[in-house]
Structure formats: structure tokens, C-alpha cells
């Protein structure tokens, strides 16, 4: 098996694992998960930096997978600057 094929398979496996870990999180769970204060998390959602969902028009929910993707994308951006 070629190295590129192995890399592609590992990436597909990683994507499957990540998609299985997705679950909706409420505002309190999200703030705790990220280690952010409520006001900072509200600020990030208002600026549309972090995506949130309002199925009832009031209560905010977040996708754990999208939060993880956001965290890791920010890490990659930081690494590029160094």
C-alpha cells in the first residue's frame, strides 16, 4: 500500500470518529467545555466567530464537532504564523 493511500484511509477513519462524537451542547456546557466566561462566549456568537443554533429562537445550542473544528483550525492558523 502506498503512503498516500494510507494517509487517505487514516483521514477517512478520523472523520468517521469525529462525526460519531458530535452532539448538541447547550450554552452552559459549551462555556464549560471551552473554558470561556458566559460574556465572552456571547461575544463570540454575536460576532459570528462561533456558530450557534437557536431552534426555538431563544435557547442557544452548539455542535461539539464544529467547536472542535474551530479549536483545531485556530491552532493550525497559529502554527502557520510561527
PDB file of N, CA and C in Angstrom:
ATOM      1  N   UNK A   1       0.844  -1.178   0.000  1.00  0.00           N
ATOM      2  CA  UNK A   1       0.000   0.000   0.000  1.00  0.00           C
ATOM      3  C   UNK A   1       0.892   1.246   0.000  1.00  0.00           C
ATOM      4  N   UNK A   2       0.543   2.194  -0.838  1.00  0.00           N
ATOM      5  CA  UNK A   2       1.329   3.426  -0.939  1.00  0.00           C
ATOM      6  C   UNK A   2       1.054   4.342   0.247  1.00  0.00           C
ATOM      7  N   UNK A   3       2.035   5.184   0.511  1.00  0.00           N
ATOM      8  CA  UNK A   3       1.925   6.100   1.649  1.00  0.00           C
ATOM      9  C   UNK A   3       0.710   7.013   1.501  1.00  0.00           C
ATOM     10  N   UNK A   4       0.451   7.505   0.314  1.00  0.00           N
ATOM     11  CA  UNK A   4      -0.693   8.398   0.099  1.00  0.00           C
ATOM     12  C   UNK A   4      -2.010   7.683   0.381  1.00  0.00           C
ATOM     13  N   UNK A   5      -2.122   6.423  -0.009  1.00  0.00           N
ATOM     14  CA  UNK A   5      -3.332   5.648   0.259  1.00  0.00           C
ATOM     15  C   UNK A   5      -3.542   5.477   1.762  1.00  0.00           C
ATOM     16  N   UNK A   6      -2.474   5.224   2.484  1.00  0.00           N
ATOM     17  CA  UNK A   6      -2.554   5.069   3.934  1.00  0.00           C
ATOM     18  C   UNK A   6      -3.029   6.376   4.571  1.00  0.00           C
ATOM     19  N   UNK A   7      -2.476   7.480   4.138  1.00  0.00           N
ATOM     20  CA  UNK A   7      -2.864   8.794   4.673  1.00  0.00           C
ATOM     21  C   UNK A   7      -4.341   9.059   4.406  1.00  0.00           C
ATOM     22  N   UNK A   8      -4.809   8.776   3.188  1.00  0.00           N
ATOM     23  CA  UNK A   8      -6.209   8.995   2.849  1.00  0.00           C
ATOM     24  C   UNK A   8      -7.133   8.133   3.701  1.00  0.00           C
ATOM     25  N   UNK A   9      -6.758   6.886   3.916  1.00  0.00           N
ATOM     26  CA  UNK A   9      -7.569   5.997   4.753  1.00  0.00           C
ATOM     27  C   UNK A   9      -7.611   6.493   6.202  1.00  0.00           C
ATOM     28  N   UNK A  10      -6.483   6.916   6.710  1.00  0.00           N
ATOM     29  CA  UNK A  10      -6.444   7.436   8.074  1.00  0.00           C
ATOM     30  C   UNK A  10      -7.309   8.692   8.211  1.00  0.00           C
ATOM     31  N   UNK A  11      -7.284   9.550   7.214  1.00  0.00           N
ATOM     32  CA  UNK A  11      -8.113  10.758   7.245  1.00  0.00           C
ATOM     33  C   UNK A  11      -9.595  10.405   7.236  1.00  0.00           C
ATOM     34  N   UNK A  12      -9.985   9.392   6.448  1.00  0.00           N
ATOM     35  CA  UNK A  12     -11.396   8.957   6.426  1.00  0.00           C
ATOM     36  C   UNK A  12     -11.790   8.367   7.777  1.00  0.00           C
ATOM     37  N   UNK A  13     -10.918   7.583   8.373  1.00  0.00           N
ATOM     38  CA  UNK A  13     -11.195   6.998   9.691  1.00  0.00           C
ATOM     39  C   UNK A  13     -11.345   8.106  10.733  1.00  0.00           C
ATOM     40  N   UNK A  14     -10.451   9.077  10.688  1.00  0.00           N
ATOM     41  CA  UNK A  14     -10.511  10.201  11.627  1.00  0.00           C
ATOM     42  C   UNK A  14     -11.819  10.967  11.475  1.00  0.00           C
ATOM     43  N   UNK A  15     -12.249  11.205  10.250  1.00  0.00           N
ATOM     44  CA  UNK A  15     -13.511  11.916  10.006  1.00  0.00           C
ATOM     45  C   UNK A  15     -14.702  11.132  10.549  1.00  0.00           C
ATOM     46  N   UNK A  16     -14.684   9.814  10.378  1.00  0.00           N
ATOM     47  CA  UNK A  16     -15.764   8.977  10.899  1.00  0.00           C
ATOM     48  C   UNK A  16     -15.816   9.015  12.423  1.00  0.00           C
ATOM     49  N   UNK A  17     -14.674   8.962  13.045  1.00  0.00           N
ATOM     50  CA  UNK A  17     -14.612   9.006  14.509  1.00  0.00           C
ATOM     51  C   UNK A  17     -15.125  10.343  15.015  1.00  0.00           C
ATOM     52  N   UNK A  18     -14.691  11.423  14.389  1.00  0.00           N
ATOM     53  CA  UNK A  18     -15.128  12.752  14.805  1.00  0.00           C
ATOM     54  C   UNK A  18     -16.633  12.923  14.629  1.00  0.00           C
ATOM     55  N   UNK A  19     -17.178  12.438  13.534  1.00  0.00           N
ATOM     56  CA  UNK A  19     -18.612  12.606  13.291  1.00  0.00           C
ATOM     57  C   UNK A  19     -19.436  11.824  14.303  1.00  0.00           C
ATOM     58  N   UNK A  20     -18.911  10.730  14.824  1.00  0.00           N
ATOM     59  CA  UNK A  20     -19.612   9.953  15.830  1.00  0.00           C
ATOM     60  C   UNK A  20     -19.644  10.627  17.188  1.00  0.00           C
ATOM     61  N   UNK A  21     -18.750  11.584  17.414  1.00  0.00           N
ATOM     62  CA  UNK A  21     -18.684  12.290  18.691  1.00  0.00           C
ATOM     63  C   UNK A  21     -19.523  13.556  18.713  1.00  0.00           C
ATOM     64  N   UNK A  22     -20.212  13.863  17.639  1.00  0.00           N
ATOM     65  CA  UNK A  22     -20.975  15.106  17.580  1.00  0.00           C
ATOM     66  C   UNK A  22     -22.243  14.977  18.405  1.00  0.00           C
ATOM     67  N   UNK A  23     -22.526  16.010  19.160  1.00  0.00           N
ATOM     68  CA  UNK A  23     -23.770  16.072  19.920  1.00  0.00           C
ATOM     69  C   UNK A  23     -24.074  17.533  20.198  1.00  0.00           C
ATOM     70  N   UNK A  24     -25.356  17.865  20.312  1.00  0.00           N
ATOM     71  CA  UNK A  24     -25.678  19.257  20.630  1.00  0.00           C
ATOM     72  C   UNK A  24     -25.317  19.572  22.084  1.00  0.00           C
ATOM     73  N   UNK A  25     -24.789  20.756  22.285  1.00  0.00           N
ATOM     74  CA  UNK A  25     -24.423  21.199  23.631  1.00  0.00           C
ATOM     75  C   UNK A  25     -25.151  22.502  23.905  1.00  0.00           C
ATOM     76  N   UNK A  26     -25.653  22.664  25.135  1.00  0.00           N
ATOM     77  CA  UNK A  26     -26.301  23.922  25.472  1.00  0.00           C
ATOM     78  C   UNK A  26     -25.242  24.978  25.802  1.00  0.00           C
ATOM     79  N   UNK A  27     -25.690  26.180  26.107  1.00  0.00           N
ATOM     80  CA  UNK A  27     -24.772  27.287  26.344  1.00  0.00           C
ATOM     81  C   UNK A  27     -23.846  27.016  27.524  1.00  0.00           C
ATOM     82  N   UNK A  28     -24.412  26.532  28.614  1.00  0.00           N
ATOM     83  CA  UNK A  28     -23.628  26.260  29.824  1.00  0.00           C
ATOM     84  C   UNK A  28     -22.555  25.201  29.562  1.00  0.00           C
ATOM     85  N   UNK A  29     -22.942  24.109  28.901  1.00  0.00           N
ATOM     86  CA  UNK A  29     -21.988  23.043  28.578  1.00  0.00           C
ATOM     87  C   UNK A  29     -20.877  23.561  27.676  1.00  0.00           C
ATOM     88  N   UNK A  30     -21.241  24.402  26.716  1.00  0.00           N
ATOM     89  CA  UNK A  30     -20.263  24.942  25.766  1.00  0.00           C
ATOM     90  C   UNK A  30     -19.263  25.849  26.462  1.00  0.00           C
ATOM     91  N   UNK A  31     -19.765  26.741  27.317  1.00  0.00           N
ATOM     92  CA  UNK A  31     -18.869  27.639  28.054  1.00  0.00           C
ATOM     93  C   UNK A  31     -17.891  26.837  28.906  1.00  0.00           C
ATOM     94  N   UNK A  32     -18.397  25.815  29.564  1.00  0.00           N
ATOM     95  CA  UNK A  32     -17.538  24.972  30.406  1.00  0.00           C
ATOM     96  C   UNK A  32     -16.542  24.191  29.551  1.00  0.00           C
ATOM     97  N   UNK A  33     -17.016  23.626  28.439  1.00  0.00           N
ATOM     98  CA  UNK A  33     -16.160  22.838  27.542  1.00  0.00           C
ATOM     99  C   UNK A  33     -14.997  23.680  27.006  1.00  0.00           C
ATOM    100  N   UNK A  34     -15.294  24.923  26.609  1.00  0.00           N
ATOM    101  CA  UNK A  34     -14.262  25.799  26.045  1.00  0.00           C
ATOM    102  C   UNK A  34     -13.465  26.528  27.124  1.00  0.00           C
ATOM    103  N   UNK A  35     -13.999  26.586  28.338  1.00  0.00           N
ATOM    104  CA  UNK A  35     -13.321  27.321  29.407  1.00  0.00           C
ATOM    105  C   UNK A  35     -13.497  28.820  29.273  1.00  0.00           C
ATOM    106  N   UNK A  36     -14.608  29.243  28.661  1.00  0.00           N
ATOM    107  CA  UNK A  36     -14.882  30.662  28.432  1.00  0.00           C
ATOM    108  C   UNK A  36     -15.936  31.162  29.413  1.00  0.00           C
ATOM    109  N   UNK A  37     -15.862  32.436  29.731  1.00  0.00           N
ATOM    110  CA  UNK A  37     -16.928  33.052  30.523  1.00  0.00           C
ATOM    111  C   UNK A  37     -18.170  33.178  29.634  1.00  0.00           C
ATOM    112  N   UNK A  38     -19.320  33.343  30.267  1.00  0.00           N
ATOM    113  CA  UNK A  38     -20.559  33.477  29.506  1.00  0.00           C
ATOM    114  C   UNK A  38     -20.525  34.707  28.603  1.00  0.00           C
ATOM    115  N   UNK A  39     -20.012  35.815  29.140  1.00  0.00           N
ATOM    116  CA  UNK A  39     -19.988  37.048  28.347  1.00  0.00           C
ATOM    117  C   UNK A  39     -19.072  36.908  27.125  1.00  0.00           C
ATOM    118  N   UNK A  40     -17.948  36.225  27.281  1.00  0.00           N
ATOM    119  CA  UNK A  40     -17.035  36.041  26.152  1.00  0.00           C
ATOM    120  C   UNK A  40     -17.659  35.134  25.097  1.00  0.00           C
ATOM    121  N   UNK A  41     -18.331  34.073  25.539  1.00  0.00           N
ATOM    122  CA  UNK A  41     -18.984  33.183  24.587  1.00  0.00           C
ATOM    123  C   UNK A  41     -20.107  33.908  23.850  1.00  0.00           C
ATOM    124  N   UNK A  42     -20.896  34.721  24.561  1.00  0.00           N
ATOM    125  CA  UNK A  42     -21.932  35.523  23.900  1.00  0.00           C
ATOM    126  C   UNK A  42     -21.310  36.444  22.857  1.00  0.00           C
ATOM    127  N   UNK A  43     -20.180  37.047  23.207  1.00  0.00           N
ATOM    128  CA  UNK A  43     -19.490  37.942  22.288  1.00  0.00           C
ATOM    129  C   UNK A  43     -19.065  37.206  21.010  1.00  0.00           C
ATOM    130  N   UNK A  44     -18.504  36.013  21.171  1.00  0.00           N
ATOM    131  CA  UNK A  44     -18.070  35.238  20.006  1.00  0.00           C
ATOM    132  C   UNK A  44     -19.244  34.818  19.123  1.00  0.00           C
ATOM    133  N   UNK A  45     -20.380  34.503  19.738  1.00  0.00           N
ATOM    134  CA  UNK A  45     -21.556  34.127  18.932  1.00  0.00           C
ATOM    135  C   UNK A  45     -22.151  35.344  18.248  1.00  0.00           C
ATOM    136  N   UNK A  46     -22.173  36.485  18.933  1.00  0.00           N
ATOM    137  CA  UNK A  46     -22.717  37.719  18.339  1.00  0.00           C
ATOM    138  C   UNK A  46     -21.884  38.165  17.138  1.00  0.00           C
ATOM    139  N   UNK A  47     -20.575  37.975  17.223  1.00  0.00           N
ATOM    140  CA  UNK A  47     -19.675  38.338  16.125  1.00  0.00           C
ATOM    141  C   UNK A  47     -19.610  37.253  15.054  1.00  0.00           C
ATOM    142  N   UNK A  48     -20.367  36.160  15.269  1.00  0.00           N
ATOM    143  CA  UNK A  48     -20.412  35.016  14.354  1.00  0.00           C
ATOM    144  C   UNK A  48     -19.041  34.349  14.176  1.00  0.00           C
ATOM    145  N   UNK A  49     -18.248  34.395  15.226  1.00  0.00           N
ATOM    146  CA  UNK A  49     -16.959  33.711  15.229  1.00  0.00           C
ATOM    147  C   UNK A  49     -17.177  32.237  15.536  1.00  0.00           C
ATOM    148  N   UNK A  50     -18.114  31.978  16.456  1.00  0.00           N
ATOM    149  CA  UNK A  50     -18.524  30.611  16.777  1.00  0.00           C
ATOM    150  C   UNK A  50     -19.983  30.471  16.368  1.00  0.00           C
ATOM    151  N   UNK A  51     -20.261  29.415  15.609  1.00  0.00           N
ATOM    152  CA  UNK A  51     -21.618  29.182  15.119  1.00  0.00           C
ATOM    153  C   UNK A  51     -22.494  28.584  16.218  1.00  0.00           C
ATOM    154  N   UNK A  52     -23.724  29.080  16.302  1.00  0.00           N
ATOM    155  CA  UNK A  52     -24.680  28.522  17.254  1.00  0.00           C
ATOM    156  C   UNK A  52     -26.016  28.332  16.551  1.00  0.00           C
ATOM    157  N   UNK A  53     -26.869  27.570  17.181  1.00  0.00           N
ATOM    158  CA  UNK A  53     -28.186  27.250  16.625  1.00  0.00           C
ATOM    159  C   UNK A  53     -29.254  27.647  17.638  1.00  0.00           C
ATOM    160  N   UNK A  54     -30.362  28.189  17.151  1.00  0.00           N
ATOM    161  CA  UNK A  54     -31.476  28.588  18.003  1.00  0.00           C
ATOM    162  C   UNK A  54     -32.756  27.964  17.462  1.00  0.00           C
ATOM    163  N   UNK A  55     -32.981  26.676  17.710  1.00  0.00           N
ATOM    164  CA  UNK A  55     -34.156  26.015  17.138  1.00  0.00           C
ATOM    165  C   UNK A  55     -35.483  26.588  17.636  1.00  0.00           C
ATOM    166  N   UNK A  56     -35.502  27.129  18.854  1.00  0.00           N
ATOM    167  CA  UNK A  56     -36.732  27.712  19.384  1.00  0.00           C
ATOM    168  C   UNK A  56     -36.709  29.230  19.297  1.00  0.00           C
ATOM    169  N   UNK A  57     -35.631  29.773  18.758  1.00  0.00           N
ATOM    170  CA  UNK A  57     -35.500  31.217  18.641  1.00  0.00           C
ATOM    171  C   UNK A  57     -34.956  31.884  19.886  1.00  0.00           C
ATOM    172  N   UNK A  58     -34.734  31.120  20.943  1.00  0.00           N
ATOM    173  CA  UNK A  58     -34.277  31.696  22.199  1.00  0.00           C
ATOM    174  C   UNK A  58     -33.026  31.018  22.741  1.00  0.00           C
ATOM    175  N   UNK A  59     -33.108  29.727  22.940  1.00  0.00           N
ATOM    176  CA  UNK A  59     -32.029  28.968  23.577  1.00  0.00           C
ATOM    177  C   UNK A  59     -30.940  28.652  22.552  1.00  0.00           C
ATOM    178  N   UNK A  60     -29.678  28.861  22.954  1.00  0.00           N
ATOM    179  CA  UNK A  60     -28.545  28.598  22.065  1.00  0.00           C
ATOM    180  C   UNK A  60     -28.027  27.182  22.243  1.00  0.00           C
ATOM    181  N   UNK A  61     -27.727  26.546  21.116  1.00  0.00           N
ATOM    182  CA  UNK A  61     -27.093  25.228  21.111  1.00  0.00           C
ATOM    183  C   UNK A  61     -25.884  25.279  20.192  1.00  0.00           C
ATOM    184  N   UNK A  62     -24.933  24.401  20.455  1.00  0.00           N
ATOM    185  CA  UNK A  62     -23.691  24.354  19.702  1.00  0.00           C
ATOM    186  C   UNK A  62     -23.390  22.913  19.317  1.00  0.00           C
ATOM    187  N   UNK A  63     -22.701  22.738  18.200  1.00  0.00           N
ATOM    188  CA  UNK A  63     -22.255  21.420  17.749  1.00  0.00           C
ATOM    189  C   UNK A  63     -20.859  21.171  18.301  1.00  0.00           C
ATOM    190  N   UNK A  64     -20.704  20.076  19.037  1.00  0.00           N
ATOM    191  CA  UNK A  64     -19.384  19.752  19.596  1.00  0.00           C
ATOM    192  C   UNK A  64     -18.355  19.579  18.485  1.00  0.00           C
ATOM    193  N   UNK A  65     -18.747  18.956  17.394  1.00  0.00           N
ATOM    194  CA  UNK A  65     -17.828  18.761  16.269  1.00  0.00           C
ATOM    195  C   UNK A  65     -17.385  20.106  15.694  1.00  0.00           C
ATOM    196  N   UNK A  66     -18.337  21.026  15.513  1.00  0.00           N
ATOM    197  CA  UNK A  66     -17.979  22.341  14.981  1.00  0.00           C
ATOM    198  C   UNK A  66     -17.078  23.101  15.947  1.00  0.00           C
ATOM    199  N   UNK A  67     -17.313  22.946  17.242  1.00  0.00           N
ATOM    200  CA  UNK A  67     -16.440  23.589  18.233  1.00  0.00           C
ATOM    201  C   UNK A  67     -15.027  23.020  18.148  1.00  0.00           C
ATOM    202  N   UNK A  68     -14.938  21.692  18.061  1.00  0.00           N
ATOM    203  CA  UNK A  68     -13.623  21.058  17.937  1.00  0.00           C
ATOM    204  C   UNK A  68     -12.919  21.501  16.657  1.00  0.00           C
ATOM    205  N   UNK A  69     -13.655  21.549  15.560  1.00  0.00           N
ATOM    206  CA  UNK A  69     -13.069  22.006  14.291  1.00  0.00           C
ATOM    207  C   UNK A  69     -12.566  23.437  14.423  1.00  0.00           C
ATOM    208  N   UNK A  70     -13.336  24.286  15.086  1.00  0.00           N
ATOM    209  CA  UNK A  70     -12.942  25.688  15.282  1.00  0.00           C
ATOM    210  C   UNK A  70     -11.665  25.757  16.130  1.00  0.00           C
ATOM    211  N   UNK A  71     -11.629  24.987  17.211  1.00  0.00           N
ATOM    212  CA  UNK A  71     -10.441  24.982  18.077  1.00  0.00           C
ATOM    213  C   UNK A  71      -9.205  24.568  17.287  1.00  0.00           C
ATOM    214  N   UNK A  72      -9.321  23.462  16.554  1.00  0.00           N
ATOM    215  CA  UNK A  72      -8.154  22.941  15.836  1.00  0.00           C
ATOM    216  C   UNK A  72      -7.783  23.811  14.640  1.00  0.00           C
ATOM    217  N   UNK A  73      -8.738  24.490  14.037  1.00  0.00           N
ATOM    218  CA  UNK A  73      -8.397  25.389  12.924  1.00  0.00           C
ATOM    219  C   UNK A  73      -7.635  26.594  13.450  1.00  0.00           C
ATOM    220  N   UNK A  74      -7.984  27.053  14.645  1.00  0.00           N
ATOM    221  CA  UNK A  74      -7.277  28.182  15.246  1.00  0.00           C
ATOM    222  C   UNK A  74      -5.850  27.776  15.596  1.00  0.00           C
ATOM    223  N   UNK A  75      -5.646  26.552  16.012  1.00  0.00           N
ATOM    224  CA  UNK A  75      -4.310  26.054  16.342  1.00  0.00           C
ATOM    225  C   UNK A  75      -3.453  26.009  15.088  1.00  0.00           C
ATOM    226  N   UNK A  76      -4.041  25.540  13.982  1.00  0.00           N
ATOM    227  CA  UNK A  76      -3.296  25.468  12.722  1.00  0.00           C
ATOM    228  C   UNK A  76      -2.917  26.862  12.242  1.00  0.00           C
ATOM    229  N   UNK A  77      -3.834  27.843  12.396  1.00  0.00           N
ATOM    230  CA  UNK A  77      -3.528  29.216  11.999  1.00  0.00           C
ATOM    231  C   UNK A  77      -2.364  29.759  12.809  1.00  0.00           C
ATOM    232  N   UNK A  78      -2.351  29.454  14.098  1.00  0.00           N
ATOM    233  CA  UNK A  78      -1.287  29.931  14.981  1.00  0.00           C
ATOM    234  C   UNK A  78       0.053  29.317  14.585  1.00  0.00           C
ATOM    235  N   UNK A  79       0.053  28.032  14.245  1.00  0.00           N
ATOM    236  CA  UNK A  79       1.278  27.337  13.850  1.00  0.00           C
ATOM    237  C   UNK A  79       1.855  27.938  12.566  1.00  0.00           C
ATOM    238  N   UNK A  80       0.988  28.371  11.655  1.00  0.00           N
ATOM    239  CA  UNK A  80       1.450  28.957  10.409  1.00  0.00           C
ATOM    240  C   UNK A  80       2.195  30.260  10.642  1.00  0.00           C
ATOM    241  N   UNK A  81       1.794  31.008  11.699  1.00  0.00           N
ATOM    242  CA  UNK A  81       2.421  32.270  11.985  1.00  0.00           C
ATOM    243  C   UNK A  81       3.815  32.101  12.592  1.00  0.00           C
ATOM    244  N   UNK A  82       4.064  30.952  13.201  1.00  0.00           N
ATOM    245  CA  UNK A  82       5.353  30.745  13.871  1.00  0.00           C
ATOM    246  C   UNK A  82       6.442  30.328  12.918  1.00  0.00           C
TER     247      UNK A  82
END
